[in-house]
Every structure is written in C-alpha cells, then in structure tokens.
Amino acid sequence: MVYHVPRMPHRPLVAAFTVLYMLVFGGWAVATGNHEFLFYAAIMLGLIGMVLLLDRQVTFSPLVLWGLATWGLLHMAGGTVPIPQSVTEPGGLPKLYSLRVVPWFIKYDQFVHAFGFGVATLAAWEGLRAATGYRRGPGFGLAILLVCIGMGLGALNEVVEFTATRIMPETNVGGYVNTGWDLVSNLTGCVLAVAWLVWRGDGQAR
C-alpha cells in the first residue's frame, strides 16, 4: 500500500508564498544586474517544477512543503540582500550569504545549507515511504541510507555552484574551504533530520 496523507489547503498558501518571493527577489536581481542569481533563479524554477511533480506521487507533508519553500526564500534572499562590509565574511561579496556576525560562529550560508539539506532529507524519507509503503521509523540501515541521500543531493548542489563559476566571471561561491564547510553543514543538517525521525519512532516527518 502506498503511503499518503490527505491533501490539505496549505498547498495554495505554500504556492502563493513561493511565487511571491520568486517575483520579488527575481525582480530585484534583474534590477541590480545580479546575473549570478538570475542563474540560480532559473535553477530554482526547475527545482520547484520537480517538487510539484514529486508531490503528485508522494503527497509531501505540510512540514516538508513549508520547509522547502522556506529554504527557497532563504536561498533567494542570501544572494540578493546587501549587508554592511563590517559583517561580511573576509573575501566574500557584501550579500546576506556572506553574513558572519562573529568570527567563531557559522555564517548565514552554512546555516542555509544545514537547514535546506535537512529538509531535503525529510523529503527523501517521505518519498521512500510513499514508494514502498513502509510505515515504521528508520532503523540504523535506513538512517545511514537517508544521510547518504541527503549528502548526495548536497553534492549535486556543489556541482551547480561549480558550474556557476565556469560560466560567470564573478560569483560568491567561494573556494575549496567554502565547499568543505558547505559539505560539513549539509552533513549536519542530514544527521539532525534523521536523528529527529529516529527519535519520533513512527517515521512521520510531520
């Protein structure tokens, strides 16, 4: 039996929320000539379409849909909202993604990576449940598999960022160390998401 949750009226709200911030930040990127984030906006549109297709098969929970929509907002804001140079990561562009308030704490980009790929891991779990009819929480083997799936999605994100550096003269992607911290942040988010699923015990990310 395929696992589904009832369709709820939150979907139009999530859709309206997503369309609104895509229009706002997409328009901002066009007005300021932010070609890097026009590239990312195009990727975002493709990902939104993919989520819509998957939702027809999976019926994602409100938690996952709102989480994915919020991740998109954090991403679009990160590359467009300007910040003072005084709180900009050394070597970064003065955009929200480079925000580091204190030197010993994570920067905005790392938080978004952890949050986003944690949510992506929950979405992957709901997809597995829908495809297999599995109704229990993840055991050790499935927990490891979910972390690997989340990390794989994170690696795909790094491929997209690398592509951006190849086709645009200037980006805010960062170098090797930044990529390493991105992967560490992704792993943190994936592990926390899976730990929460294990703690719940019923396997439901809602």
Foldseek 3Di string as FASTA:
>chain_A
DFDEDDDDPCVVVLVVLLVVLLVVLVVLCVVVVVVLVVLVSVVVVVVVVVVVVLCVQLVDDPVLSNLQSVLVNLVSQQSRAFADPVQAAVPAHRGQLRGDNDPVDDGSVLQSLLSNLLSVLLVVLSSVCRVPVDFWFDDPVVLVVSLVVSLVVLVVVVVSVVVSVVPDVDDRCDDDVSSVSSSVSSSNSSNVSSVVSVVVTRNHPD
